[in-house]
């Protein structure tokens, strides 16, 4: 299952705790994934959605699998920073 952790309303590049809650409850790791395209269109939406142009080279980068922290759901907000950093690193790697 793939989840976009910034949610449908943003803010862009933030990691909301919902993905951590799902991973915690299911006992599954989170794998950060980033994508980049050599040529693309970028929408003027809040998330700057990227659409690769025809014949563009698309690169996908994966980060290491990370386990969701234990504890009550109320503490997950403060645990999102390492996951956000891993997601940004995977995105930067794919953009290179």
PDB file of N, CA and C in Angstrom:
ATOM      1  N   UNK A   1       0.852  -1.173   0.000  1.00  0.00           N
ATOM      2  CA  UNK A   1       0.000   0.000   0.000  1.00  0.00           C
ATOM      3  C   UNK A   1       0.893   1.229   0.000  1.00  0.00           C
ATOM      4  N   UNK A   2       0.572   2.180  -0.823  1.00  0.00           N
ATOM      5  CA  UNK A   2       1.311   3.442  -0.862  1.00  0.00           C
ATOM      6  C   UNK A   2       0.441   4.552  -0.288  1.00  0.00           C
ATOM      7  N   UNK A   3       1.052   5.388   0.530  1.00  0.00           N
ATOM      8  CA  UNK A   3       0.352   6.499   1.157  1.00  0.00           C
ATOM      9  C   UNK A   3       1.179   7.755   0.934  1.00  0.00           C
ATOM     10  N   UNK A   4       0.531   8.832   0.531  1.00  0.00           N
ATOM     11  CA  UNK A   4       1.238  10.110   0.478  1.00  0.00           C
ATOM     12  C   UNK A   4       1.086  10.760   1.848  1.00  0.00           C
ATOM     13  N   UNK A   5       2.163  10.883   2.578  1.00  0.00           N
ATOM     14  CA  UNK A   5       2.068  11.300   3.980  1.00  0.00           C
ATOM     15  C   UNK A   5       1.745  12.766   4.204  1.00  0.00           C
ATOM     16  N   UNK A   6       1.787  13.611   3.162  1.00  0.00           N
ATOM     17  CA  UNK A   6       1.448  15.010   3.407  1.00  0.00           C
ATOM     18  C   UNK A   6      -0.053  15.249   3.337  1.00  0.00           C
ATOM     19  N   UNK A   7      -0.816  14.241   3.000  1.00  0.00           N
ATOM     20  CA  UNK A   7      -2.268  14.354   3.005  1.00  0.00           C
ATOM     21  C   UNK A   7      -2.809  15.127   1.824  1.00  0.00           C
ATOM     22  N   UNK A   8      -4.109  15.154   1.668  1.00  0.00           N
ATOM     23  CA  UNK A   8      -4.702  15.796   0.502  1.00  0.00           C
ATOM     24  C   UNK A   8      -4.685  17.325   0.538  1.00  0.00           C
ATOM     25  N   UNK A   9      -4.399  17.915   1.688  1.00  0.00           N
ATOM     26  CA  UNK A   9      -4.425  19.372   1.790  1.00  0.00           C
ATOM     27  C   UNK A   9      -3.080  19.984   2.181  1.00  0.00           C
ATOM     28  N   UNK A  10      -2.083  19.155   2.421  1.00  0.00           N
ATOM     29  CA  UNK A  10      -0.759  19.682   2.716  1.00  0.00           C
ATOM     30  C   UNK A  10      -0.544  19.988   4.177  1.00  0.00           C
ATOM     31  N   UNK A  11       0.428  20.774   4.505  1.00  0.00           N
ATOM     32  CA  UNK A  11       1.319  21.498   3.627  1.00  0.00           C
ATOM     33  C   UNK A  11       2.294  20.583   2.894  1.00  0.00           C
ATOM     34  N   UNK A  12       2.846  21.103   1.828  1.00  0.00           N
ATOM     35  CA  UNK A  12       3.739  20.344   0.971  1.00  0.00           C
ATOM     36  C   UNK A  12       4.978  19.896   1.745  1.00  0.00           C
ATOM     37  N   UNK A  13       5.396  18.690   1.514  1.00  0.00           N
ATOM     38  CA  UNK A  13       6.594  18.077   2.114  1.00  0.00           C
ATOM     39  C   UNK A  13       6.510  17.909   3.627  1.00  0.00           C
ATOM     40  N   UNK A  14       5.330  17.932   4.187  1.00  0.00           N
ATOM     41  CA  UNK A  14       5.199  17.641   5.614  1.00  0.00           C
ATOM     42  C   UNK A  14       4.807  16.168   5.760  1.00  0.00           C
ATOM     43  N   UNK A  15       5.111  15.592   6.877  1.00  0.00           N
ATOM     44  CA  UNK A  15       4.810  14.182   7.126  1.00  0.00           C
ATOM     45  C   UNK A  15       3.773  14.123   8.234  1.00  0.00           C
ATOM     46  N   UNK A  16       2.523  13.905   7.852  1.00  0.00           N
ATOM     47  CA  UNK A  16       1.440  13.815   8.827  1.00  0.00           C
ATOM     48  C   UNK A  16       1.516  12.467   9.551  1.00  0.00           C
ATOM     49  N   UNK A  17       1.044  12.375  10.778  1.00  0.00           N
ATOM     50  CA  UNK A  17       1.191  11.150  11.563  1.00  0.00           C
ATOM     51  C   UNK A  17       0.286  10.000  11.138  1.00  0.00           C
ATOM     52  N   UNK A  18      -0.612  10.203  10.183  1.00  0.00           N
ATOM     53  CA  UNK A  18      -1.520   9.133   9.768  1.00  0.00           C
ATOM     54  C   UNK A  18      -0.798   7.904   9.233  1.00  0.00           C
ATOM     55  N   UNK A  19       0.252   8.104   8.442  1.00  0.00           N
ATOM     56  CA  UNK A  19       1.015   6.974   7.911  1.00  0.00           C
ATOM     57  C   UNK A  19       1.699   6.206   9.047  1.00  0.00           C
ATOM     58  N   UNK A  20       2.184   6.926  10.059  1.00  0.00           N
ATOM     59  CA  UNK A  20       2.799   6.261  11.206  1.00  0.00           C
ATOM     60  C   UNK A  20       1.781   5.434  11.981  1.00  0.00           C
ATOM     61  N   UNK A  21       0.587   5.970  12.122  1.00  0.00           N
ATOM     62  CA  UNK A  21      -0.466   5.262  12.843  1.00  0.00           C
ATOM     63  C   UNK A  21      -0.830   3.958  12.132  1.00  0.00           C
ATOM     64  N   UNK A  22      -0.970   4.009  10.815  1.00  0.00           N
ATOM     65  CA  UNK A  22      -1.286   2.795  10.044  1.00  0.00           C
ATOM     66  C   UNK A  22      -0.150   1.778  10.169  1.00  0.00           C
ATOM     67  N   UNK A  23       1.087   2.229  10.017  1.00  0.00           N
ATOM     68  CA  UNK A  23       2.235   1.319  10.116  1.00  0.00           C
ATOM     69  C   UNK A  23       2.338   0.714  11.515  1.00  0.00           C
ATOM     70  N   UNK A  24       2.074   1.513  12.522  1.00  0.00           N
ATOM     71  CA  UNK A  24       2.142   1.041  13.906  1.00  0.00           C
ATOM     72  C   UNK A  24       1.077  -0.023  14.157  1.00  0.00           C
ATOM     73  N   UNK A  25      -0.137   0.248  13.734  1.00  0.00           N
ATOM     74  CA  UNK A  25      -1.234  -0.695  13.975  1.00  0.00           C
ATOM     75  C   UNK A  25      -1.096  -1.982  13.184  1.00  0.00           C
ATOM     76  N   UNK A  26      -0.519  -1.913  12.001  1.00  0.00           N
ATOM     77  CA  UNK A  26      -0.365  -3.105  11.170  1.00  0.00           C
ATOM     78  C   UNK A  26       0.973  -3.803  11.394  1.00  0.00           C
ATOM     79  N   UNK A  27       1.885  -3.170  12.110  1.00  0.00           N
ATOM     80  CA  UNK A  27       3.190  -3.767  12.355  1.00  0.00           C
ATOM     81  C   UNK A  27       4.054  -3.839  11.106  1.00  0.00           C
ATOM     82  N   UNK A  28       3.926  -2.862  10.259  1.00  0.00           N
ATOM     83  CA  UNK A  28       4.661  -2.818   8.991  1.00  0.00           C
ATOM     84  C   UNK A  28       5.622  -1.633   8.973  1.00  0.00           C
ATOM     85  N   UNK A  29       6.719  -1.772   8.233  1.00  0.00           N
ATOM     86  CA  UNK A  29       7.670  -0.656   8.138  1.00  0.00           C
ATOM     87  C   UNK A  29       7.192   0.387   7.129  1.00  0.00           C
ATOM     88  N   UNK A  30       7.798   1.542   7.201  1.00  0.00           N
ATOM     89  CA  UNK A  30       7.574   2.609   6.229  1.00  0.00           C
ATOM     90  C   UNK A  30       8.820   2.707   5.372  1.00  0.00           C
ATOM     91  N   UNK A  31       8.630   2.705   4.055  1.00  0.00           N
ATOM     92  CA  UNK A  31       9.734   2.831   3.110  1.00  0.00           C
ATOM     93  C   UNK A  31       9.567   4.163   2.379  1.00  0.00           C
ATOM     94  N   UNK A  32      10.468   5.116   2.604  1.00  0.00           N
ATOM     95  CA  UNK A  32      10.352   6.402   1.905  1.00  0.00           C
ATOM     96  C   UNK A  32      10.706   6.231   0.419  1.00  0.00           C
ATOM     97  N   UNK A  33       9.907   6.849  -0.436  1.00  0.00           N
ATOM     98  CA  UNK A  33      10.098   6.749  -1.878  1.00  0.00           C
ATOM     99  C   UNK A  33      10.052   8.153  -2.465  1.00  0.00           C
ATOM    100  N   UNK A  34      11.014   8.448  -3.330  1.00  0.00           N
ATOM    101  CA  UNK A  34      11.038   9.727  -4.038  1.00  0.00           C
ATOM    102  C   UNK A  34      11.067   9.474  -5.528  1.00  0.00           C
ATOM    103  N   UNK A  35      10.552  10.402  -6.303  1.00  0.00           N
ATOM    104  CA  UNK A  35      10.542  10.274  -7.761  1.00  0.00           C
ATOM    105  C   UNK A  35      10.976  11.585  -8.391  1.00  0.00           C
ATOM    106  N   UNK A  36      11.655  11.470  -9.514  1.00  0.00           N
ATOM    107  CA  UNK A  36      12.086  12.647 -10.258  1.00  0.00           C
ATOM    108  C   UNK A  36      12.017  12.349 -11.743  1.00  0.00           C
ATOM    109  N   UNK A  37      11.867  13.371 -12.552  1.00  0.00           N
ATOM    110  CA  UNK A  37      11.792  13.214 -14.004  1.00  0.00           C
ATOM    111  C   UNK A  37      12.757  14.182 -14.666  1.00  0.00           C
ATOM    112  N   UNK A  38      13.378  13.737 -15.754  1.00  0.00           N
ATOM    113  CA  UNK A  38      14.337  14.586 -16.457  1.00  0.00           C
ATOM    114  C   UNK A  38      13.648  15.774 -17.126  1.00  0.00           C
ATOM    115  N   UNK A  39      12.417  15.565 -17.580  1.00  0.00           N
ATOM    116  CA  UNK A  39      11.624  16.641 -18.176  1.00  0.00           C
ATOM    117  C   UNK A  39      10.196  16.470 -17.687  1.00  0.00           C
ATOM    118  N   UNK A  40       9.593  17.561 -17.227  1.00  0.00           N
ATOM    119  CA  UNK A  40       8.244  17.421 -16.680  1.00  0.00           C
ATOM    120  C   UNK A  40       7.493  18.743 -16.713  1.00  0.00           C
ATOM    121  N   UNK A  41       6.183  18.624 -16.542  1.00  0.00           N
ATOM    122  CA  UNK A  41       5.332  19.775 -16.294  1.00  0.00           C
ATOM    123  C   UNK A  41       5.083  19.817 -14.796  1.00  0.00           C
ATOM    124  N   UNK A  42       5.002  21.004 -14.252  1.00  0.00           N
ATOM    125  CA  UNK A  42       4.712  21.154 -12.826  1.00  0.00           C
ATOM    126  C   UNK A  42       3.444  21.990 -12.687  1.00  0.00           C
ATOM    127  N   UNK A  43       2.443  21.414 -12.048  1.00  0.00           N
ATOM    128  CA  UNK A  43       1.176  22.114 -11.874  1.00  0.00           C
ATOM    129  C   UNK A  43       1.319  23.241 -10.852  1.00  0.00           C
ATOM    130  N   UNK A  44       0.435  24.198 -10.927  1.00  0.00           N
ATOM    131  CA  UNK A  44       0.461  25.335  -9.997  1.00  0.00           C
ATOM    132  C   UNK A  44      -0.440  25.083  -8.793  1.00  0.00           C
ATOM    133  N   UNK A  45      -0.567  23.826  -8.412  1.00  0.00           N
ATOM    134  CA  UNK A  45      -1.370  23.450  -7.256  1.00  0.00           C
ATOM    135  C   UNK A  45      -0.528  23.565  -5.990  1.00  0.00           C
ATOM    136  N   UNK A  46      -1.141  23.356  -4.817  1.00  0.00           N
ATOM    137  CA  UNK A  46      -0.429  23.482  -3.543  1.00  0.00           C
ATOM    138  C   UNK A  46       0.731  22.509  -3.422  1.00  0.00           C
ATOM    139  N   UNK A  47       0.624  21.346  -4.087  1.00  0.00           N
ATOM    140  CA  UNK A  47       1.678  20.340  -3.957  1.00  0.00           C
ATOM    141  C   UNK A  47       2.678  20.356  -5.110  1.00  0.00           C
ATOM    142  N   UNK A  48       2.480  21.247  -6.072  1.00  0.00           N
ATOM    143  CA  UNK A  48       3.371  21.342  -7.244  1.00  0.00           C
ATOM    144  C   UNK A  48       3.494  19.984  -7.949  1.00  0.00           C
ATOM    145  N   UNK A  49       2.349  19.331  -8.165  1.00  0.00           N
ATOM    146  CA  UNK A  49       2.293  18.005  -8.773  1.00  0.00           C
ATOM    147  C   UNK A  49       3.083  17.989 -10.079  1.00  0.00           C
ATOM    148  N   UNK A  50       3.888  16.940 -10.269  1.00  0.00           N
ATOM    149  CA  UNK A  50       4.769  16.819 -11.426  1.00  0.00           C
ATOM    150  C   UNK A  50       4.241  15.740 -12.364  1.00  0.00           C
ATOM    151  N   UNK A  51       4.161  16.082 -13.652  1.00  0.00           N
ATOM    152  CA  UNK A  51       3.754  15.132 -14.685  1.00  0.00           C
ATOM    153  C   UNK A  51       4.923  14.980 -15.649  1.00  0.00           C
ATOM    154  N   UNK A  52       5.514  13.782 -15.744  1.00  0.00           N
ATOM    155  CA  UNK A  52       6.630  13.594 -16.678  1.00  0.00           C
ATOM    156  C   UNK A  52       6.189  13.816 -18.124  1.00  0.00           C
ATOM    157  N   UNK A  53       7.036  14.468 -18.895  1.00  0.00           N
ATOM    158  CA  UNK A  53       6.762  14.671 -20.318  1.00  0.00           C
ATOM    159  C   UNK A  53       7.047  13.370 -21.066  1.00  0.00           C
ATOM    160  N   UNK A  54       6.474  13.213 -22.262  1.00  0.00           N
ATOM    161  CA  UNK A  54       6.751  12.000 -23.046  1.00  0.00           C
ATOM    162  C   UNK A  54       8.261  11.810 -23.252  1.00  0.00           C
ATOM    163  N   UNK A  55       8.690  10.593 -23.119  1.00  0.00           N
ATOM    164  CA  UNK A  55      10.090  10.160 -23.297  1.00  0.00           C
ATOM    165  C   UNK A  55      11.041  10.695 -22.224  1.00  0.00           C
ATOM    166  N   UNK A  56      10.514  11.232 -21.144  1.00  0.00           N
ATOM    167  CA  UNK A  56      11.365  11.680 -20.035  1.00  0.00           C
ATOM    168  C   UNK A  56      11.900  10.464 -19.293  1.00  0.00           C
ATOM    169  N   UNK A  57      13.034  10.630 -18.683  1.00  0.00           N
ATOM    170  CA  UNK A  57      13.603   9.584 -17.842  1.00  0.00           C
ATOM    171  C   UNK A  57      13.103   9.801 -16.421  1.00  0.00           C
ATOM    172  N   UNK A  58      12.430   8.799 -15.872  1.00  0.00           N
ATOM    173  CA  UNK A  58      11.882   8.882 -14.516  1.00  0.00           C
ATOM    174  C   UNK A  58      12.765   8.049 -13.593  1.00  0.00           C
ATOM    175  N   UNK A  59      13.183   8.646 -12.497  1.00  0.00           N
ATOM    176  CA  UNK A  59      14.023   7.968 -11.522  1.00  0.00           C
ATOM    177  C   UNK A  59      13.244   7.812 -10.215  1.00  0.00           C
ATOM    178  N   UNK A  60      13.296   6.607  -9.669  1.00  0.00           N
ATOM    179  CA  UNK A  60      12.658   6.313  -8.391  1.00  0.00           C
ATOM    180  C   UNK A  60      13.764   5.984  -7.395  1.00  0.00           C
ATOM    181  N   UNK A  61      13.739   6.599  -6.236  1.00  0.00           N
ATOM    182  CA  UNK A  61      14.725   6.338  -5.192  1.00  0.00           C
ATOM    183  C   UNK A  61      14.010   5.869  -3.929  1.00  0.00           C
ATOM    184  N   UNK A  62      14.549   4.824  -3.325  1.00  0.00           N
ATOM    185  CA  UNK A  62      13.991   4.261  -2.092  1.00  0.00           C
ATOM    186  C   UNK A  62      14.948   4.502  -0.942  1.00  0.00           C
ATOM    187  N   UNK A  63      14.401   4.829   0.205  1.00  0.00           N
ATOM    188  CA  UNK A  63      15.193   4.936   1.418  1.00  0.00           C
ATOM    189  C   UNK A  63      15.096   3.642   2.206  1.00  0.00           C
ATOM    190  N   UNK A  64      15.802   3.550   3.310  1.00  0.00           N
ATOM    191  CA  UNK A  64      15.739   2.334   4.127  1.00  0.00           C
ATOM    192  C   UNK A  64      14.380   2.192   4.813  1.00  0.00           C
ATOM    193  N   UNK A  65      13.950   0.952   5.002  1.00  0.00           N
ATOM    194  CA  UNK A  65      12.695   0.690   5.712  1.00  0.00           C
ATOM    195  C   UNK A  65      12.850   1.163   7.158  1.00  0.00           C
ATOM    196  N   UNK A  66      11.824   1.824   7.658  1.00  0.00           N
ATOM    197  CA  UNK A  66      11.858   2.379   9.006  1.00  0.00           C
ATOM    198  C   UNK A  66      10.651   1.883   9.783  1.00  0.00           C
ATOM    199  N   UNK A  67      10.869   1.479  11.008  1.00  0.00           N
ATOM    200  CA  UNK A  67       9.769   1.011  11.859  1.00  0.00           C
ATOM    201  C   UNK A  67       9.076   2.188  12.531  1.00  0.00           C
ATOM    202  N   UNK A  68       7.771   2.083  12.627  1.00  0.00           N
ATOM    203  CA  UNK A  68       7.003   3.112  13.328  1.00  0.00           C
ATOM    204  C   UNK A  68       7.271   2.987  14.821  1.00  0.00           C
ATOM    205  N   UNK A  69       7.376   4.109  15.516  1.00  0.00           N
ATOM    206  CA  UNK A  69       7.631   4.047  16.957  1.00  0.00           C
ATOM    207  C   UNK A  69       6.420   3.514  17.712  1.00  0.00           C
ATOM    208  N   UNK A  70       6.678   2.922  18.854  1.00  0.00           N
ATOM    209  CA  UNK A  70       5.594   2.469  19.717  1.00  0.00           C
ATOM    210  C   UNK A  70       5.041   3.642  20.507  1.00  0.00           C
ATOM    211  N   UNK A  71       4.058   3.365  21.303  1.00  0.00           N
ATOM    212  CA  UNK A  71       3.479   4.417  22.140  1.00  0.00           C
ATOM    213  C   UNK A  71       2.096   4.805  21.674  1.00  0.00           C
ATOM    214  N   UNK A  72       1.459   5.655  22.450  1.00  0.00           N
ATOM    215  CA  UNK A  72       0.089   6.057  22.118  1.00  0.00           C
ATOM    216  C   UNK A  72       0.061   6.956  20.881  1.00  0.00           C
ATOM    217  N   UNK A  73      -1.052   6.929  20.143  1.00  0.00           N
ATOM    218  CA  UNK A  73      -1.184   7.756  18.939  1.00  0.00           C
ATOM    219  C   UNK A  73      -0.983   9.246  19.197  1.00  0.00           C
ATOM    220  N   UNK A  74      -1.252   9.710  20.398  1.00  0.00           N
ATOM    221  CA  UNK A  74      -1.095  11.134  20.695  1.00  0.00           C
ATOM    222  C   UNK A  74       0.370  11.586  20.628  1.00  0.00           C
ATOM    223  N   UNK A  75       1.308  10.649  20.720  1.00  0.00           N
ATOM    224  CA  UNK A  75       2.731  10.999  20.673  1.00  0.00           C
ATOM    225  C   UNK A  75       3.325  10.877  19.277  1.00  0.00           C
ATOM    226  N   UNK A  76       2.547  10.466  18.286  1.00  0.00           N
ATOM    227  CA  UNK A  76       3.076  10.264  16.941  1.00  0.00           C
ATOM    228  C   UNK A  76       3.417  11.579  16.243  1.00  0.00           C
ATOM    229  N   UNK A  77       2.764  12.677  16.614  1.00  0.00           N
ATOM    230  CA  UNK A  77       3.074  13.970  15.989  1.00  0.00           C
ATOM    231  C   UNK A  77       4.549  14.323  16.145  1.00  0.00           C
ATOM    232  N   UNK A  78       5.101  14.071  17.319  1.00  0.00           N
ATOM    233  CA  UNK A  78       6.500  14.421  17.570  1.00  0.00           C
ATOM    234  C   UNK A  78       7.475  13.418  16.972  1.00  0.00           C
ATOM    235  N   UNK A  79       6.994  12.281  16.493  1.00  0.00           N
ATOM    236  CA  UNK A  79       7.873  11.245  15.941  1.00  0.00           C
ATOM    237  C   UNK A  79       7.995  11.307  14.423  1.00  0.00           C
ATOM    238  N   UNK A  80       7.399  12.297  13.797  1.00  0.00           N
ATOM    239  CA  UNK A  80       7.395  12.341  12.335  1.00  0.00           C
ATOM    240  C   UNK A  80       8.677  12.906  11.719  1.00  0.00           C
ATOM    241  N   UNK A  81       9.481  13.634  12.466  1.00  0.00           N
ATOM    242  CA  UNK A  81      10.658  14.304  11.889  1.00  0.00           C
ATOM    243  C   UNK A  81      11.648  13.367  11.189  1.00  0.00           C
ATOM    244  N   UNK A  82      12.036  12.220  11.772  1.00  0.00           N
ATOM    245  CA  UNK A  82      12.962  11.349  11.047  1.00  0.00           C
ATOM    246  C   UNK A  82      12.355  10.794   9.756  1.00  0.00           C
ATOM    247  N   UNK A  83      11.060  10.566   9.758  1.00  0.00           N
ATOM    248  CA  UNK A  83      10.398  10.042   8.567  1.00  0.00           C
ATOM    249  C   UNK A  83      10.322  11.126   7.485  1.00  0.00           C
ATOM    250  N   UNK A  84      10.067  12.350   7.895  1.00  0.00           N
ATOM    251  CA  UNK A  84      10.053  13.455   6.949  1.00  0.00           C
ATOM    252  C   UNK A  84      11.433  13.657   6.341  1.00  0.00           C
ATOM    253  N   UNK A  85      12.475  13.573   7.155  1.00  0.00           N
ATOM    254  CA  UNK A  85      13.847  13.725   6.652  1.00  0.00           C
ATOM    255  C   UNK A  85      14.191  12.617   5.662  1.00  0.00           C
ATOM    256  N   UNK A  86      13.783  11.383   5.948  1.00  0.00           N
ATOM    257  CA  UNK A  86      14.059  10.265   5.036  1.00  0.00           C
ATOM    258  C   UNK A  86      13.308  10.435   3.726  1.00  0.00           C
ATOM    259  N   UNK A  87      12.092  10.931   3.782  1.00  0.00           N
ATOM    260  CA  UNK A  87      11.308  11.166   2.574  1.00  0.00           C
ATOM    261  C   UNK A  87      11.936  12.270   1.719  1.00  0.00           C
ATOM    262  N   UNK A  88      12.379  13.337   2.357  1.00  0.00           N
ATOM    263  CA  UNK A  88      13.041  14.420   1.625  1.00  0.00           C
ATOM    264  C   UNK A  88      14.355  13.958   1.005  1.00  0.00           C
ATOM    265  N   UNK A  89      15.098  13.102   1.726  1.00  0.00           N
ATOM    266  CA  UNK A  89      16.359  12.574   1.192  1.00  0.00           C
ATOM    267  C   UNK A  89      16.101  11.693  -0.037  1.00  0.00           C
ATOM    268  N   UNK A  90      15.076  10.869   0.007  1.00  0.00           N
ATOM    269  CA  UNK A  90      14.744  10.014  -1.143  1.00  0.00           C
ATOM    270  C   UNK A  90      14.307  10.867  -2.325  1.00  0.00           C
ATOM    271  N   UNK A  91      13.569  11.926  -2.074  1.00  0.00           N
ATOM    272  CA  UNK A  91      13.131  12.821  -3.140  1.00  0.00           C
ATOM    273  C   UNK A  91      14.318  13.551  -3.758  1.00  0.00           C
ATOM    274  N   UNK A  92      15.248  13.997  -2.931  1.00  0.00           N
ATOM    275  CA  UNK A  92      16.449  14.692  -3.430  1.00  0.00           C
ATOM    276  C   UNK A  92      17.318  13.739  -4.245  1.00  0.00           C
ATOM    277  N   UNK A  93      17.446  12.516  -3.800  1.00  0.00           N
ATOM    278  CA  UNK A  93      18.230  11.519  -4.538  1.00  0.00           C
ATOM    279  C   UNK A  93      17.620  11.249  -5.907  1.00  0.00           C
ATOM    280  N   UNK A  94      16.314  11.146  -5.979  1.00  0.00           N
ATOM    281  CA  UNK A  94      15.648  10.906  -7.256  1.00  0.00           C
ATOM    282  C   UNK A  94      15.780  12.113  -8.175  1.00  0.00           C
ATOM    283  N   UNK A  95      15.769  13.311  -7.622  1.00  0.00           N
ATOM    284  CA  UNK A  95      15.883  14.523  -8.439  1.00  0.00           C
ATOM    285  C   UNK A  95      17.282  14.679  -9.039  1.00  0.00           C
ATOM    286  N   UNK A  96      18.289  14.122  -8.352  1.00  0.00           N
ATOM    287  CA  UNK A  96      19.654  14.192  -8.894  1.00  0.00           C
ATOM    288  C   UNK A  96      19.751  13.300 -10.069  1.00  0.00           C
TER     289      UNK A  96
END
